[in-house]
Amino acid sequence: MIRYDSLDTSNSFISCYRRTIILAFPAHVHRLLDQLGLFINRSLAVEVYREGRLSLGKAAELAGAKSKWEMLMLLTVRGVPMDYTADDAKKDLLTRESVLGR
C-alpha cells in the first residue's frame, strides 16, 4: 500500500513500516497528486466508455462527473462519439420527472 500525506513544510520524506510506504509531500504536491488522480480516473472512464465496456452512468461515476450531462461534455471534449439516443434522453427525462414529482 502506498499512501501520501500533505505536509506544511517544503521537506519531503519516505518512511517504511512493514509493507506500507508512506510518502509525505508539501501541500502543493499533494494538490497536484489529487489532480493527477482525477485526470487518470477521467481518462480511464472515457476510454472504457469508448470501448463500450461501461454505460454512460457508470463512466460518469468513475470520472467523478456530477451528472450524465457533464460526462457527455467530457466525452465531447475528448472527441468520443456519443452513444446516447433520443430514447435514452426520453427515459432520463421520465426518471427525472418521477423523482422530482414534476
N, C-alpha and C. Protein backbone atom coordinates (compact mmCIF):
# COMPACT_ATOMS: atom_id res chain seq x y z
N MET A 1 0.84 -1.17 0.00
CA MET A 1 0.00 0.00 0.00
C MET A 1 0.89 1.23 0.00
N ILE A 2 0.54 2.19 -0.80
CA ILE A 2 1.25 3.48 -0.82
C ILE A 2 0.26 4.55 -0.44
N ARG A 3 0.64 5.40 0.48
CA ARG A 3 -0.21 6.49 0.92
C ARG A 3 0.62 7.76 0.90
N TYR A 4 0.00 8.85 0.51
CA TYR A 4 0.71 10.11 0.60
C TYR A 4 -0.07 11.06 1.48
N ASP A 5 0.67 11.85 2.24
CA ASP A 5 0.08 12.81 3.16
C ASP A 5 0.61 14.19 2.86
N SER A 6 -0.18 15.17 3.18
CA SER A 6 0.21 16.56 2.96
C SER A 6 1.01 17.07 4.15
N LEU A 7 2.03 17.83 3.86
CA LEU A 7 2.83 18.48 4.90
C LEU A 7 2.80 19.98 4.68
N ASP A 8 2.94 20.73 5.75
CA ASP A 8 3.00 22.18 5.64
C ASP A 8 4.41 22.66 5.32
N THR A 9 5.38 21.79 5.44
CA THR A 9 6.77 22.18 5.19
C THR A 9 7.14 21.85 3.75
N SER A 10 8.28 22.31 3.33
CA SER A 10 8.73 22.04 1.97
C SER A 10 9.60 20.79 1.90
N ASN A 11 9.77 20.09 3.02
CA ASN A 11 10.58 18.87 3.04
C ASN A 11 9.75 17.67 2.61
N SER A 12 10.36 16.76 1.92
CA SER A 12 9.71 15.51 1.54
C SER A 12 10.49 14.36 2.16
N PHE A 13 9.80 13.32 2.54
CA PHE A 13 10.49 12.17 3.08
C PHE A 13 9.69 10.91 2.80
N ILE A 14 10.37 9.79 2.90
CA ILE A 14 9.75 8.49 2.70
C ILE A 14 10.04 7.67 3.94
N SER A 15 9.04 7.01 4.46
CA SER A 15 9.25 6.11 5.58
C SER A 15 8.58 4.78 5.28
N CYS A 16 9.17 3.72 5.75
CA CYS A 16 8.63 2.39 5.53
C CYS A 16 8.35 1.74 6.87
N TYR A 17 7.23 1.04 6.92
CA TYR A 17 6.89 0.24 8.09
C TYR A 17 6.15 -0.97 7.58
N ARG A 18 6.71 -2.11 7.80
CA ARG A 18 6.17 -3.36 7.27
C ARG A 18 6.00 -3.25 5.76
N ARG A 19 4.76 -3.38 5.27
CA ARG A 19 4.54 -3.33 3.83
C ARG A 19 3.89 -2.03 3.38
N THR A 20 3.85 -1.08 4.25
CA THR A 20 3.25 0.21 3.92
C THR A 20 4.36 1.22 3.70
N ILE A 21 4.27 1.91 2.61
CA ILE A 21 5.20 3.01 2.33
C ILE A 21 4.41 4.30 2.45
N ILE A 22 4.87 5.18 3.29
CA ILE A 22 4.20 6.46 3.48
C ILE A 22 5.07 7.55 2.87
N LEU A 23 4.52 8.24 1.90
CA LEU A 23 5.22 9.34 1.25
C LEU A 23 4.60 10.64 1.74
N ALA A 24 5.40 11.53 2.21
CA ALA A 24 4.88 12.82 2.67
C ALA A 24 5.41 13.91 1.75
N PHE A 25 4.53 14.76 1.30
CA PHE A 25 4.88 15.82 0.35
C PHE A 25 4.38 17.16 0.86
N PRO A 26 4.94 18.22 0.34
CA PRO A 26 4.39 19.55 0.63
C PRO A 26 2.95 19.64 0.09
N ALA A 27 2.18 20.57 0.62
CA ALA A 27 0.77 20.70 0.26
C ALA A 27 0.56 20.88 -1.23
N HIS A 28 1.42 21.67 -1.91
CA HIS A 28 1.21 21.89 -3.35
C HIS A 28 1.40 20.61 -4.15
N VAL A 29 2.29 19.72 -3.72
CA VAL A 29 2.48 18.44 -4.40
C VAL A 29 1.26 17.55 -4.14
N HIS A 30 0.72 17.63 -2.95
CA HIS A 30 -0.49 16.87 -2.60
C HIS A 30 -1.64 17.26 -3.53
N ARG A 31 -1.80 18.56 -3.79
CA ARG A 31 -2.84 19.03 -4.70
C ARG A 31 -2.60 18.52 -6.12
N LEU A 32 -1.35 18.53 -6.55
CA LEU A 32 -1.02 18.02 -7.89
C LEU A 32 -1.34 16.53 -8.01
N LEU A 33 -1.07 15.77 -6.96
CA LEU A 33 -1.38 14.34 -6.97
C LEU A 33 -2.89 14.11 -7.03
N ASP A 34 -3.66 14.93 -6.32
CA ASP A 34 -5.12 14.84 -6.41
C ASP A 34 -5.59 15.13 -7.82
N GLN A 35 -5.02 16.16 -8.45
CA GLN A 35 -5.40 16.49 -9.83
C GLN A 35 -5.02 15.38 -10.78
N LEU A 36 -3.87 14.76 -10.54
CA LEU A 36 -3.43 13.64 -11.37
C LEU A 36 -4.39 12.47 -11.24
N GLY A 37 -4.84 12.20 -10.02
CA GLY A 37 -5.80 11.13 -9.80
C GLY A 37 -7.10 11.38 -10.55
N LEU A 38 -7.59 12.62 -10.52
CA LEU A 38 -8.80 12.97 -11.25
C LEU A 38 -8.60 12.80 -12.75
N PHE A 39 -7.44 13.24 -13.25
CA PHE A 39 -7.13 13.10 -14.67
C PHE A 39 -7.11 11.63 -15.08
N ILE A 40 -6.49 10.79 -14.25
CA ILE A 40 -6.40 9.35 -14.57
C ILE A 40 -7.79 8.73 -14.56
N ASN A 41 -8.60 9.03 -13.54
CA ASN A 41 -9.96 8.48 -13.48
C ASN A 41 -10.79 8.91 -14.68
N ARG A 42 -10.69 10.17 -15.05
CA ARG A 42 -11.47 10.66 -16.20
C ARG A 42 -11.00 10.02 -17.49
N SER A 43 -9.69 9.91 -17.66
CA SER A 43 -9.15 9.28 -18.87
C SER A 43 -9.57 7.83 -18.97
N LEU A 44 -9.51 7.12 -17.85
CA LEU A 44 -9.91 5.72 -17.83
C LEU A 44 -11.40 5.60 -18.15
N ALA A 45 -12.23 6.45 -17.56
CA ALA A 45 -13.67 6.40 -17.81
C ALA A 45 -13.98 6.65 -19.28
N VAL A 46 -13.31 7.61 -19.87
CA VAL A 46 -13.54 7.92 -21.29
C VAL A 46 -13.16 6.73 -22.16
N GLU A 47 -12.00 6.15 -21.91
CA GLU A 47 -11.53 5.05 -22.76
C GLU A 47 -12.38 3.80 -22.59
N VAL A 48 -12.79 3.49 -21.36
CA VAL A 48 -13.60 2.29 -21.15
C VAL A 48 -14.99 2.51 -21.75
N TYR A 49 -15.51 3.73 -21.68
CA TYR A 49 -16.79 4.03 -22.33
C TYR A 49 -16.64 3.90 -23.85
N ARG A 50 -15.53 4.43 -24.39
CA ARG A 50 -15.29 4.36 -25.84
C ARG A 50 -15.28 2.91 -26.31
N GLU A 51 -14.74 2.02 -25.48
CA GLU A 51 -14.69 0.59 -25.83
C GLU A 51 -16.04 -0.10 -25.66
N GLY A 52 -17.02 0.60 -25.06
CA GLY A 52 -18.34 0.02 -24.85
C GLY A 52 -18.42 -0.89 -23.65
N ARG A 53 -17.46 -0.79 -22.74
CA ARG A 53 -17.42 -1.67 -21.57
C ARG A 53 -18.09 -1.05 -20.35
N LEU A 54 -18.44 0.24 -20.42
CA LEU A 54 -19.16 0.91 -19.34
C LEU A 54 -20.31 1.71 -19.91
N SER A 55 -21.39 1.77 -19.17
CA SER A 55 -22.51 2.62 -19.57
C SER A 55 -22.12 4.07 -19.30
N LEU A 56 -22.91 4.98 -19.84
CA LEU A 56 -22.65 6.40 -19.62
C LEU A 56 -22.69 6.74 -18.14
N GLY A 57 -23.69 6.20 -17.42
CA GLY A 57 -23.82 6.48 -15.99
C GLY A 57 -22.65 5.97 -15.18
N LYS A 58 -22.21 4.75 -15.45
CA LYS A 58 -21.07 4.17 -14.73
C LYS A 58 -19.78 4.90 -15.08
N ALA A 59 -19.63 5.31 -16.33
CA ALA A 59 -18.45 6.08 -16.73
C ALA A 59 -18.44 7.43 -16.00
N ALA A 60 -19.63 8.03 -15.86
CA ALA A 60 -19.74 9.31 -15.14
C ALA A 60 -19.32 9.13 -13.69
N GLU A 61 -19.75 8.03 -13.06
CA GLU A 61 -19.35 7.76 -11.67
C GLU A 61 -17.84 7.62 -11.56
N LEU A 62 -17.23 6.84 -12.45
CA LEU A 62 -15.79 6.64 -12.42
C LEU A 62 -15.04 7.95 -12.65
N ALA A 63 -15.56 8.77 -13.54
CA ALA A 63 -14.90 10.04 -13.86
C ALA A 63 -15.10 11.10 -12.78
N GLY A 64 -16.02 10.84 -11.86
CA GLY A 64 -16.31 11.85 -10.84
C GLY A 64 -17.18 12.98 -11.37
N ALA A 65 -17.88 12.72 -12.48
CA ALA A 65 -18.77 13.72 -13.05
C ALA A 65 -20.01 13.85 -12.17
N LYS A 66 -20.56 15.05 -12.11
CA LYS A 66 -21.73 15.29 -11.27
C LYS A 66 -23.03 14.80 -11.92
N SER A 67 -23.00 14.59 -13.22
CA SER A 67 -24.20 14.15 -13.93
C SER A 67 -23.79 13.48 -15.25
N LYS A 68 -24.78 12.84 -15.88
CA LYS A 68 -24.52 12.26 -17.20
C LYS A 68 -24.21 13.36 -18.21
N TRP A 69 -24.84 14.52 -18.02
CA TRP A 69 -24.61 15.62 -18.96
C TRP A 69 -23.17 16.11 -18.87
N GLU A 70 -22.63 16.15 -17.67
CA GLU A 70 -21.22 16.54 -17.52
C GLU A 70 -20.32 15.51 -18.19
N MET A 71 -20.69 14.23 -18.07
CA MET A 71 -19.91 13.19 -18.73
C MET A 71 -20.00 13.32 -20.24
N LEU A 72 -21.19 13.65 -20.74
CA LEU A 72 -21.33 13.86 -22.18
C LEU A 72 -20.44 14.99 -22.66
N MET A 73 -20.33 16.05 -21.87
CA MET A 73 -19.44 17.17 -22.24
C MET A 73 -17.99 16.71 -22.25
N LEU A 74 -17.61 15.91 -21.26
CA LEU A 74 -16.24 15.38 -21.21
C LEU A 74 -15.96 14.51 -22.43
N LEU A 75 -16.91 13.68 -22.80
CA LEU A 75 -16.74 12.84 -23.99
C LEU A 75 -16.61 13.68 -25.25
N THR A 76 -17.40 14.75 -25.33
CA THR A 76 -17.34 15.64 -26.49
C THR A 76 -15.97 16.30 -26.59
N VAL A 77 -15.47 16.79 -25.46
CA VAL A 77 -14.15 17.44 -25.44
C VAL A 77 -13.05 16.45 -25.85
N ARG A 78 -13.21 15.19 -25.46
CA ARG A 78 -12.21 14.17 -25.78
C ARG A 78 -12.43 13.53 -27.15
N GLY A 79 -13.44 14.01 -27.89
CA GLY A 79 -13.66 13.52 -29.25
C GLY A 79 -14.29 12.15 -29.34
N VAL A 80 -15.04 11.75 -28.32
CA VAL A 80 -15.69 10.44 -28.33
C VAL A 80 -17.13 10.61 -28.82
N PRO A 81 -17.52 9.87 -29.84
CA PRO A 81 -18.91 9.97 -30.31
C PRO A 81 -19.87 9.48 -29.23
N MET A 82 -21.00 10.15 -29.13
CA MET A 82 -21.97 9.82 -28.10
C MET A 82 -22.81 8.62 -28.50
N ASP A 83 -22.93 7.69 -27.59
CA ASP A 83 -23.81 6.55 -27.76
C ASP A 83 -25.03 6.79 -26.88
N TYR A 84 -25.72 7.89 -27.15
CA TYR A 84 -26.85 8.34 -26.34
C TYR A 84 -27.94 8.77 -27.29
N THR A 85 -28.99 7.98 -27.33
CA THR A 85 -30.05 8.20 -28.31
C THR A 85 -31.15 9.10 -27.75
N ALA A 86 -32.06 9.48 -28.63
CA ALA A 86 -33.22 10.27 -28.22
C ALA A 86 -34.07 9.48 -27.22
N ASP A 87 -34.15 8.17 -27.41
CA ASP A 87 -34.90 7.33 -26.46
C ASP A 87 -34.25 7.36 -25.07
N ASP A 88 -32.92 7.35 -25.04
CA ASP A 88 -32.21 7.45 -23.76
C ASP A 88 -32.56 8.77 -23.06
N ALA A 89 -32.60 9.85 -23.83
CA ALA A 89 -32.93 11.16 -23.26
C ALA A 89 -34.36 11.17 -22.73
N LYS A 90 -35.29 10.57 -23.47
CA LYS A 90 -36.68 10.50 -23.01
C LYS A 90 -36.78 9.73 -21.69
N LYS A 91 -36.08 8.60 -21.62
CA LYS A 91 -36.09 7.80 -20.39
C LYS A 91 -35.52 8.60 -19.22
N ASP A 92 -34.45 9.33 -19.46
CA ASP A 92 -33.85 10.15 -18.40
C ASP A 92 -34.81 11.24 -17.94
N LEU A 93 -35.52 11.86 -18.88
CA LEU A 93 -36.48 12.90 -18.51
C LEU A 93 -37.65 12.31 -17.70
N LEU A 94 -38.12 11.13 -18.09
CA LEU A 94 -39.19 10.48 -17.34
C LEU A 94 -38.73 10.12 -15.92
N THR A 95 -37.50 9.63 -15.81
CA THR A 95 -36.94 9.32 -14.49
C THR A 95 -36.84 10.58 -13.65
N ARG A 96 -36.35 11.64 -14.25
CA ARG A 96 -36.22 12.92 -13.55
C ARG A 96 -37.57 13.40 -13.05
N GLU A 97 -38.59 13.32 -13.91
CA GLU A 97 -39.93 13.76 -13.54
C GLU A 97 -40.51 12.91 -12.41
N SER A 98 -40.26 11.62 -12.46
CA SER A 98 -40.79 10.75 -11.40
C SER A 98 -40.08 10.99 -10.06
N VAL A 99 -38.80 11.28 -10.11
CA VAL A 99 -38.05 11.54 -8.89
C VAL A 99 -38.41 12.90 -8.30
N LEU A 100 -38.50 13.90 -9.15
CA LEU A 100 -38.78 15.26 -8.67
C LEU A 100 -40.28 15.53 -8.53
N GLY A 101 -41.11 14.64 -9.04
CA GLY A 101 -42.55 14.82 -8.93
C GLY A 101 -43.09 15.94 -9.78
N ARG A 102 -42.45 16.20 -10.89
CA ARG A 102 -42.91 17.27 -11.80
C ARG A 102 -43.51 16.69 -13.04
